[in-house]
C-alpha atoms as a PDB file:
ATOM      1  CA  MET A   1      24.350   6.592  -2.759  1.00  0.00           C
ATOM      2  CA  GLU A   2      24.550   9.901  -4.636  1.00  0.00           C
ATOM      3  CA  LEU A   3      21.602  10.294  -6.976  1.00  0.00           C
ATOM      4  CA  LYS A   4      22.133  11.284 -10.588  1.00  0.00           C
ATOM      5  CA  GLU A   5      20.678  14.510 -11.889  1.00  0.00           C
ATOM      6  CA  TYR A   6      17.782  12.883 -13.782  1.00  0.00           C
ATOM      7  CA  GLN A   7      16.924  10.851 -10.686  1.00  0.00           C
ATOM      8  CA  LYS A   8      16.776  14.013  -8.587  1.00  0.00           C
ATOM      9  CA  LYS A   9      14.514  15.641 -11.174  1.00  0.00           C
ATOM     10  CA  ALA A  10      12.204  12.629 -11.195  1.00  0.00           C
ATOM     11  CA  LEU A  11      11.878  12.690  -7.404  1.00  0.00           C
ATOM     12  CA  GLU A  12      11.290  16.429  -7.395  1.00  0.00           C
ATOM     13  CA  GLN A  13       8.405  15.892  -9.794  1.00  0.00           C
ATOM     14  CA  VAL A  14       7.048  13.156  -7.521  1.00  0.00           C
ATOM     15  CA  LYS A  15       7.265  15.508  -4.542  1.00  0.00           C
ATOM     16  CA  ARG A  16       5.376  18.271  -6.370  1.00  0.00           C
ATOM     17  CA  TYR A  17       2.631  15.844  -7.308  1.00  0.00           C
ATOM     18  CA  LEU A  18       2.347  14.508  -3.758  1.00  0.00           C
ATOM     19  CA  GLU A  19       2.106  18.039  -2.363  1.00  0.00           C
ATOM     20  CA  ALA A  20      -0.697  18.829  -4.802  1.00  0.00           C
ATOM     21  CA  LEU A  21      -2.297  15.465  -4.015  1.00  0.00           C
ATOM     22  CA  ALA A  22      -2.364  16.189  -0.288  1.00  0.00           C
ATOM     23  CA  GLU A  23      -3.924  19.587  -0.948  1.00  0.00           C
ATOM     24  CA  SER A  24      -6.498  18.155  -3.348  1.00  0.00           C
ATOM     25  CA  ARG A  25      -7.408  15.356  -0.931  1.00  0.00           C
ATOM     26  CA  ALA A  26      -7.961  17.868   1.881  1.00  0.00           C
ATOM     27  CA  LYS A  27     -10.368  19.826  -0.324  1.00  0.00           C
ATOM     28  CA  ASN A  28     -12.193  16.631  -1.248  1.00  0.00           C
ATOM     29  CA  GLU A  29     -12.625  15.707   2.410  1.00  0.00           C
ATOM     30  CA  LYS A  30     -14.201  19.116   3.062  1.00  0.00           C
ATOM     31  CA  PHE A  31     -16.603  18.607   0.151  1.00  0.00           C
ATOM     32  CA  ILE A  32     -17.621  15.175   1.443  1.00  0.00           C
ATOM     33  CA  LYS A  33     -18.405  16.548   4.915  1.00  0.00           C
ATOM     34  CA  ILE A  34     -20.858  18.979   3.342  1.00  0.00           C
ATOM     35  CA  ASP A  35     -22.274  16.532   0.793  1.00  0.00           C
ATOM     36  CA  PRO A  36     -21.161  12.862   0.593  1.00  0.00           C
ATOM     37  CA  GLU A  37     -22.038  12.854  -3.104  1.00  0.00           C
ATOM     38  CA  ALA A  38     -19.829  15.867  -3.863  1.00  0.00           C
ATOM     39  CA  SER A  39     -16.633  13.823  -4.000  1.00  0.00           C
ATOM     40  CA  ILE A  40     -14.143  14.757  -6.717  1.00  0.00           C
ATOM     41  CA  ASP A  41     -11.426  12.784  -8.475  1.00  0.00           C
ATOM     42  CA  PHE A  42      -8.748  14.426  -6.344  1.00  0.00           C
ATOM     43  CA  PRO A  43      -5.771  12.492  -7.799  1.00  0.00           C
ATOM     44  CA  LEU A  44      -6.795  13.674 -11.274  1.00  0.00           C
ATOM     45  CA  ARG A  45      -7.120  17.293 -10.108  1.00  0.00           C
ATOM     46  CA  ALA A  46      -3.638  17.159  -8.589  1.00  0.00           C
ATOM     47  CA  TRP A  47      -2.182  15.565 -11.722  1.00  0.00           C
ATOM     48  CA  GLU A  48      -3.711  18.193 -13.990  1.00  0.00           C
ATOM     49  CA  LYS A  49      -2.312  20.935 -11.785  1.00  0.00           C
ATOM     50  CA  VAL A  50       1.255  19.620 -11.662  1.00  0.00           C
ATOM     51  CA  VAL A  51       1.809  17.424 -14.729  1.00  0.00           C
ATOM     52  CA  GLY A  52      -0.936  18.200 -17.200  1.00  0.00           C
ATOM     53  CA  THR A  53      -0.586  15.060 -19.334  1.00  0.00           C
ATOM     54  CA  THR A  54      -3.121  12.220 -19.568  1.00  0.00           C
ATOM     55  CA  TYR A  55      -3.921  10.617 -16.224  1.00  0.00           C
ATOM     56  CA  HIS A  56      -5.526   7.192 -15.877  1.00  0.00           C
ATOM     57  CA  SER A  57      -7.844   7.337 -12.868  1.00  0.00           C
ATOM     58  CA  LYS A  58      -8.108   4.175 -10.796  1.00  0.00           C
ATOM     59  CA  LYS A  59     -10.291   3.070  -7.906  1.00  0.00           C
ATOM     60  CA  ASN A  60      -9.775   0.534  -5.137  1.00  0.00           C
ATOM     61  CA  GLY A  61     -12.100  -2.300  -4.165  1.00  0.00           C
ATOM     62  CA  LEU A  62     -14.279   0.151  -2.227  1.00  0.00           C
ATOM     63  CA  GLY A  63     -14.797   2.410  -5.228  1.00  0.00           C
ATOM     64  CA  GLU A  64     -12.553   5.114  -3.765  1.00  0.00           C
ATOM     65  CA  CYS A  65     -10.085   7.129  -5.835  1.00  0.00           C
ATOM     66  CA  LEU A  66      -6.695   5.428  -5.840  1.00  0.00           C
ATOM     67  CA  PRO A  67      -3.753   7.785  -6.470  1.00  0.00           C
ATOM     68  CA  ASN A  68      -1.123   6.262  -8.744  1.00  0.00           C
ATOM     69  CA  PHE A  69       1.889   7.292 -10.771  1.00  0.00           C
ATOM     70  CA  TYR A  70       4.682   5.658 -12.761  1.00  0.00           C
ATOM     71  CA  LEU A  71       8.370   6.457 -12.990  1.00  0.00           C
ATOM     72  CA  LYS A  72       9.653   6.103 -16.537  1.00  0.00           C
ATOM     73  CA  ILE A  73      13.442   5.922 -16.566  1.00  0.00           C
ATOM     74  CA  PRO A  74      16.075   4.268 -18.793  1.00  0.00           C
ATOM     75  CA  THR A  75      16.958   0.597 -18.363  1.00  0.00           C
ATOM     76  CA  GLY A  76      19.495   0.359 -15.558  1.00  0.00           C
ATOM     77  CA  GLY A  77      18.499   3.829 -14.415  1.00  0.00           C
ATOM     78  CA  GLY A  78      18.129   2.911 -10.768  1.00  0.00           C
ATOM     79  CA  LYS A  79      14.405   2.219 -10.478  1.00  0.00           C
ATOM     80  CA  THR A  80      14.748   0.415  -7.138  1.00  0.00           C
ATOM     81  CA  ILE A  81      16.620   3.219  -5.395  1.00  0.00           C
ATOM     82  CA  LEU A  82      14.045   5.650  -6.773  1.00  0.00           C
ATOM     83  CA  ALA A  83      11.262   3.436  -5.416  1.00  0.00           C
ATOM     84  CA  CYS A  84      12.852   3.610  -1.950  1.00  0.00           C
ATOM     85  CA  HIS A  85      13.057   7.384  -2.125  1.00  0.00           C
ATOM     86  CA  ALA A  86       9.471   7.522  -3.423  1.00  0.00           C
ATOM     87  CA  ILE A  87       8.297   5.592  -0.349  1.00  0.00           C
ATOM     88  CA  ASP A  88       9.937   8.211   1.841  1.00  0.00           C
ATOM     89  CA  LEU A  89       8.265  11.028  -0.108  1.00  0.00           C
ATOM     90  CA  ILE A  90       4.849   9.359  -0.035  1.00  0.00           C
ATOM     91  CA  ASN A  91       5.000   8.877   3.723  1.00  0.00           C
ATOM     92  CA  ARG A  92       6.375  12.326   4.563  1.00  0.00           C
ATOM     93  CA  THR A  93       4.536  14.458   2.009  1.00  0.00           C
ATOM     94  CA  TYR A  94       1.207  12.685   1.554  1.00  0.00           C
ATOM     95  CA  LEU A  95       0.555  10.258   4.420  1.00  0.00           C
ATOM     96  CA  LYS A  96       2.371  12.375   7.038  1.00  0.00           C
ATOM     97  CA  LYS A  97       3.901   9.425   8.873  1.00  0.00           C
ATOM     98  CA  GLN A  98       6.998   7.215   9.062  1.00  0.00           C
ATOM     99  CA  THR A  99       5.259   3.917   9.748  1.00  0.00           C
ATOM    100  CA  GLY A 100       2.788   1.649   7.962  1.00  0.00           C
ATOM    101  CA  ILE A 101       3.010  -1.139   5.420  1.00  0.00           C
ATOM    102  CA  ILE A 102       4.462  -1.237   1.918  1.00  0.00           C
ATOM    103  CA  LEU A 103       3.539  -4.014  -0.500  1.00  0.00           C
ATOM    104  CA  TRP A 104       6.493  -4.452  -2.864  1.00  0.00           C
ATOM    105  CA  VAL A 105       5.517  -6.510  -5.917  1.00  0.00           C
ATOM    106  CA  VAL A 106       8.085  -7.933  -8.356  1.00  0.00           C
ATOM    107  CA  PRO A 107       7.595  -9.962 -11.566  1.00  0.00           C
ATOM    108  CA  THR A 108      10.229 -12.715 -11.339  1.00  0.00           C
ATOM    109  CA  THR A 109      11.918 -14.955  -8.791  1.00  0.00           C
ATOM    110  CA  GLN A 110      15.331 -13.549  -9.688  1.00  0.00           C
ATOM    111  CA  ILE A 111      14.293  -9.938  -9.080  1.00  0.00           C
ATOM    112  CA  TYR A 112      12.479 -11.034  -5.924  1.00  0.00           C
ATOM    113  CA  ARG A 113      15.599 -12.628  -4.445  1.00  0.00           C
ATOM    114  CA  GLN A 114      17.893  -9.790  -5.469  1.00  0.00           C
ATOM    115  CA  THR A 115      15.610  -7.144  -4.026  1.00  0.00           C
ATOM    116  CA  LEU A 116      14.943  -9.109  -0.829  1.00  0.00           C
ATOM    117  CA  ILE A 117      18.659  -9.596  -0.140  1.00  0.00           C
ATOM    118  CA  SER A 118      19.349  -5.907  -0.752  1.00  0.00           C
ATOM    119  CA  LEU A 119      16.505  -4.678   1.449  1.00  0.00           C
ATOM    120  CA  LYS A 120      17.517  -6.956   4.322  1.00  0.00           C
ATOM    121  CA  ASN A 121      21.138  -5.784   4.182  1.00  0.00           C
ATOM    122  CA  ARG A 122      21.461  -2.797   6.518  1.00  0.00           C
ATOM    123  CA  GLU A 123      24.623  -1.719   4.681  1.00  0.00           C
ATOM    124  CA  HIS A 124      22.923  -1.585   1.280  1.00  0.00           C
ATOM    125  CA  PRO A 125      21.856   1.845  -0.078  1.00  0.00           C
ATOM    126  CA  TYR A 126      18.254   0.637  -0.618  1.00  0.00           C
ATOM    127  CA  ARG A 127      17.877  -0.331   3.023  1.00  0.00           C
ATOM    128  CA  GLN A 128      19.663   2.790   4.233  1.00  0.00           C
ATOM    129  CA  VAL A 129      17.146   4.998   2.428  1.00  0.00           C
ATOM    130  CA  LEU A 130      14.271   3.095   4.039  1.00  0.00           C
ATOM    131  CA  ASP A 131      15.896   3.257   7.468  1.00  0.00           C
ATOM    132  CA  ILE A 132      16.218   7.014   7.164  1.00  0.00           C
ATOM    133  CA  ALA A 133      12.584   7.209   6.067  1.00  0.00           C
ATOM    134  CA  SER A 134      11.400   5.112   9.026  1.00  0.00           C
ATOM    135  CA  GLY A 135      13.731   6.506  11.655  1.00  0.00           C
ATOM    136  CA  GLY A 136      15.473   3.141  11.886  1.00  0.00           C
ATOM    137  CA  GLY A 137      12.292   1.115  12.220  1.00  0.00           C
ATOM    138  CA  THR A 138      12.287  -0.893   8.988  1.00  0.00           C
ATOM    139  CA  VAL A 139      10.977  -4.474   8.902  1.00  0.00           C
ATOM    140  CA  ILE A 140      11.334  -6.615   5.764  1.00  0.00           C
ATOM    141  CA  LEU A 141       8.878  -9.505   5.402  1.00  0.00           C
ATOM    142  CA  GLU A 142       7.882 -12.187   2.926  1.00  0.00           C
ATOM    143  CA  LYS A 143       4.366 -13.391   2.146  1.00  0.00           C
ATOM    144  CA  MET A 144       4.265 -16.208   4.689  1.00  0.00           C
ATOM    145  CA  ASP A 145       5.739 -14.139   7.547  1.00  0.00           C
ATOM    146  CA  ARG A 146       3.459 -13.196  10.396  1.00  0.00           C
ATOM    147  CA  PHE A 147       3.151  -9.603  11.562  1.00  0.00           C
ATOM    148  CA  ALA A 148       1.107  -7.883  14.248  1.00  0.00           C
ATOM    149  CA  LEU A 149      -0.745  -4.592  14.504  1.00  0.00           C
ATOM    150  CA  LEU A 150       2.068  -3.194  16.658  1.00  0.00           C
ATOM    151  CA  ASP A 151       4.538  -3.930  13.847  1.00  0.00           C
ATOM    152  CA  VAL A 152       2.781  -1.651  11.375  1.00  0.00           C
ATOM    153  CA  THR A 153       1.987   1.101  13.880  1.00  0.00           C
ATOM    154  CA  GLU A 154       5.566   1.386  15.138  1.00  0.00           C
ATOM    155  CA  ASN A 155       7.599   0.388  12.054  1.00  0.00           C
ATOM    156  CA  LEU A 156       7.792   0.708   8.306  1.00  0.00           C
ATOM    157  CA  VAL A 157       6.927  -2.839   7.215  1.00  0.00           C
ATOM    158  CA  VAL A 158       7.918  -3.798   3.670  1.00  0.00           C
ATOM    159  CA  MET A 159       6.351  -7.035   2.453  1.00  0.00           C
ATOM    160  CA  MET A 160       7.820  -8.641  -0.662  1.00  0.00           C
ATOM    161  CA  LEU A 161       5.361 -10.326  -2.986  1.00  0.00           C
ATOM    162  CA  MET A 162       5.633 -12.072  -6.348  1.00  0.00           C
ATOM    163  CA  LEU A 163       3.360 -10.736  -9.078  1.00  0.00           C
ATOM    164  CA  PRO A 164       1.342 -14.021  -9.368  1.00  0.00           C
ATOM    165  CA  SER A 165       0.415 -13.613  -5.684  1.00  0.00           C
ATOM    166  CA  ALA A 166      -0.974 -10.138  -6.327  1.00  0.00           C
ATOM    167  CA  SER A 167      -3.628 -11.471  -8.703  1.00  0.00           C
ATOM    168  CA  ARG A 168      -6.513 -13.765  -7.814  1.00  0.00           C
ATOM    169  CA  GLN A 169      -6.386 -15.662 -11.082  1.00  0.00           C
ATOM    170  CA  ASN A 170      -4.269 -18.652 -10.031  1.00  0.00           C
ATOM    171  CA  LYS A 171      -3.661 -21.189  -7.241  1.00  0.00           C
ATOM    172  CA  GLU A 172      -0.632 -19.310  -5.892  1.00  0.00           C
ATOM    173  CA  THR A 173      -2.675 -16.267  -4.934  1.00  0.00           C
ATOM    174  CA  LEU A 174      -5.272 -18.379  -3.114  1.00  0.00           C
ATOM    175  CA  LYS A 175      -2.749 -18.690  -0.267  1.00  0.00           C
ATOM    176  CA  VAL A 176      -2.934 -14.935   0.214  1.00  0.00           C
ATOM    177  CA  PHE A 177      -6.712 -15.109   0.688  1.00  0.00           C
ATOM    178  CA  LYS A 178      -6.756 -18.299   2.767  1.00  0.00           C
ATOM    179  CA  ASP A 179      -8.161 -17.931   6.272  1.00  0.00           C
ATOM    180  CA  SER A 180      -5.323 -17.851   8.808  1.00  0.00           C
ATOM    181  CA  GLY A 181      -5.039 -17.406  12.558  1.00  0.00           C
ATOM    182  CA  ASN A 182      -1.857 -15.394  12.008  1.00  0.00           C
ATOM    183  CA  PHE A 183      -3.805 -12.178  11.504  1.00  0.00           C
ATOM    184  CA  ALA A 184      -6.725 -12.668  13.894  1.00  0.00           C
ATOM    185  CA  GLU A 185      -5.876  -9.562  15.936  1.00  0.00           C
ATOM    186  CA  PHE A 186      -6.795  -7.349  12.962  1.00  0.00           C
ATOM    187  CA  PHE A 187     -10.367  -8.652  13.091  1.00  0.00           C
ATOM    188  CA  PRO A 188     -13.232  -8.812  15.621  1.00  0.00           C
ATOM    189  CA  LEU A 189     -13.878 -12.134  17.345  1.00  0.00           C
ATOM    190  CA  GLU A 190     -16.032 -14.533  15.331  1.00  0.00           C
ATOM    191  CA  ASP A 191     -18.902 -14.259  17.833  1.00  0.00           C
ATOM    192  CA  ASP A 192     -18.720 -10.440  17.895  1.00  0.00           C
ATOM    193  CA  VAL A 193     -21.698  -9.996  15.580  1.00  0.00           C
ATOM    194  CA  LYS A 194     -21.770  -6.209  15.817  1.00  0.00           C
ATOM    195  CA  GLY A 195     -18.010  -5.898  15.321  1.00  0.00           C
ATOM    196  CA  GLN A 196     -18.077  -8.169  12.282  1.00  0.00           C
ATOM    197  CA  GLU A 197     -20.986  -6.261  10.802  1.00  0.00           C
ATOM    198  CA  GLU A 198     -19.276  -2.898  11.300  1.00  0.00           C
ATOM    199  CA  LEU A 199     -16.033  -4.156   9.761  1.00  0.00           C
ATOM    200  CA  LEU A 200     -17.762  -5.613   6.698  1.00  0.00           C
ATOM    201  CA  ASN A 201     -19.796  -2.443   6.259  1.00  0.00           C
ATOM    202  CA  LYS A 202     -16.636  -0.339   6.372  1.00  0.00           C
ATOM    203  CA  PHE A 203     -14.664  -2.696   4.106  1.00  0.00           C
ATOM    204  CA  SER A 204     -17.255  -4.179   1.786  1.00  0.00           C
ATOM    205  CA  ASN A 205     -14.554  -5.822  -0.365  1.00  0.00           C
ATOM    206  CA  LEU A 206     -13.452  -8.275   2.350  1.00  0.00           C
ATOM    207  CA  ASP A 207     -13.848 -12.022   1.808  1.00  0.00           C
ATOM    208  CA  TYR A 208     -16.088 -13.647   4.399  1.00  0.00           C
ATOM    209  CA  PHE A 209     -17.747 -16.853   5.557  1.00  0.00           C
ATOM    210  CA  GLY A 210     -21.478 -17.364   6.014  1.00  0.00           C
ATOM    211  CA  ASP A 211     -24.381 -15.070   5.217  1.00  0.00           C
ATOM    212  CA  ASP A 212     -27.034 -12.995   6.937  1.00  0.00           C
ATOM    213  CA  ASN A 213     -29.079 -16.129   7.707  1.00  0.00           C
ATOM    214  CA  ASN A 214     -26.327 -17.699   9.839  1.00  0.00           C
ATOM    215  CA  LEU A 215     -26.422 -17.512  13.640  1.00  0.00           C
ATOM    216  CA  TYR A 216     -23.381 -15.204  13.681  1.00  0.00           C
ATOM    217  CA  GLY A 217     -24.039 -13.637  10.292  1.00  0.00           C
ATOM    218  CA  LYS A 218     -21.082 -12.933   8.017  1.00  0.00           C
ATOM    219  CA  ILE A 219     -17.589 -13.506   9.414  1.00  0.00           C
ATOM    220  CA  ALA A 220     -14.567 -11.885   7.758  1.00  0.00           C
ATOM    221  CA  LYS A 221     -11.744 -14.253   6.816  1.00  0.00           C
ATOM    222  CA  THR A 222      -8.597 -13.588   8.821  1.00  0.00           C
ATOM    223  CA  SER A 223      -6.425 -13.844   5.736  1.00  0.00           C
ATOM    224  CA  LEU A 224      -3.374 -11.899   4.629  1.00  0.00           C
ATOM    225  CA  GLY A 225      -5.376 -10.566   1.679  1.00  0.00           C
ATOM    226  CA  ASN A 226      -8.111  -9.203   3.930  1.00  0.00           C
ATOM    227  CA  THR A 227      -5.539  -7.783   6.340  1.00  0.00           C
ATOM    228  CA  LEU A 228      -3.870  -5.867   3.524  1.00  0.00           C
ATOM    229  CA  ARG A 229      -7.247  -4.528   2.396  1.00  0.00           C
ATOM    230  CA  ILE A 230      -7.830  -3.160   5.895  1.00  0.00           C
ATOM    231  CA  LEU A 231      -4.336  -1.661   6.199  1.00  0.00           C
ATOM    232  CA  ARG A 232      -4.395  -0.018   2.733  1.00  0.00           C
ATOM    233  CA  PRO A 233      -0.686  -0.428   1.957  1.00  0.00           C
ATOM    234  CA  VAL A 234       1.373   1.683  -0.387  1.00  0.00           C
ATOM    235  CA  ILE A 235       2.002  -0.562  -3.391  1.00  0.00           C
ATOM    236  CA  ILE A 236       5.285  -0.562  -5.297  1.00  0.00           C
ATOM    237  CA  ILE A 237       5.264  -2.473  -8.585  1.00  0.00           C
ATOM    238  CA  ASP A 238       8.901  -2.982  -9.494  1.00  0.00           C
END
């Protein structure tokens, strides 16, 4: 699919920001090695350098800076194809890889179905962009699908999710954070006290069972929600 001129300009701006973001992050990592308290808001620094307009800084559940940007285009301007190209740019320019996991969040059932059908169709332009980005290793999943560590290390995994499932304010999202054996390989064994402790220290925002007074201490829930927190996916809000 040939991109229109304004779409090309939008992606060029995204690329410039990602290049500055990678540079700013590298500087921040050097600062942290010298002094852990010397961390800077590196996404903000990159934004000020490239864009210059107001930037709304965000942090993840660990209190770390969370780079974010929005594409503002006309209605019917091809936001989904731009999102696919943005994934490619994020992986190549910022993350320096072709694999990993993308969490693709949509607001309605209709958009969910339309996007899912398009992404699963290898002949569709959306999927073709992702296949080029991943070197042909694209996997499209839904919330209840199981995936393994090998899937995300060797492929570009795109998981579709409805907006209600991305918030913890309703019953639907509780399924995402329900303990499940489907993702056990991402976690230490329940009786691996040291492994559990190290994981929960590294990812302090994980849901867990028990407490420090239990025989095995705290045990991380093997849920999809916890798995995504560990994998730190790129999030697309369509």
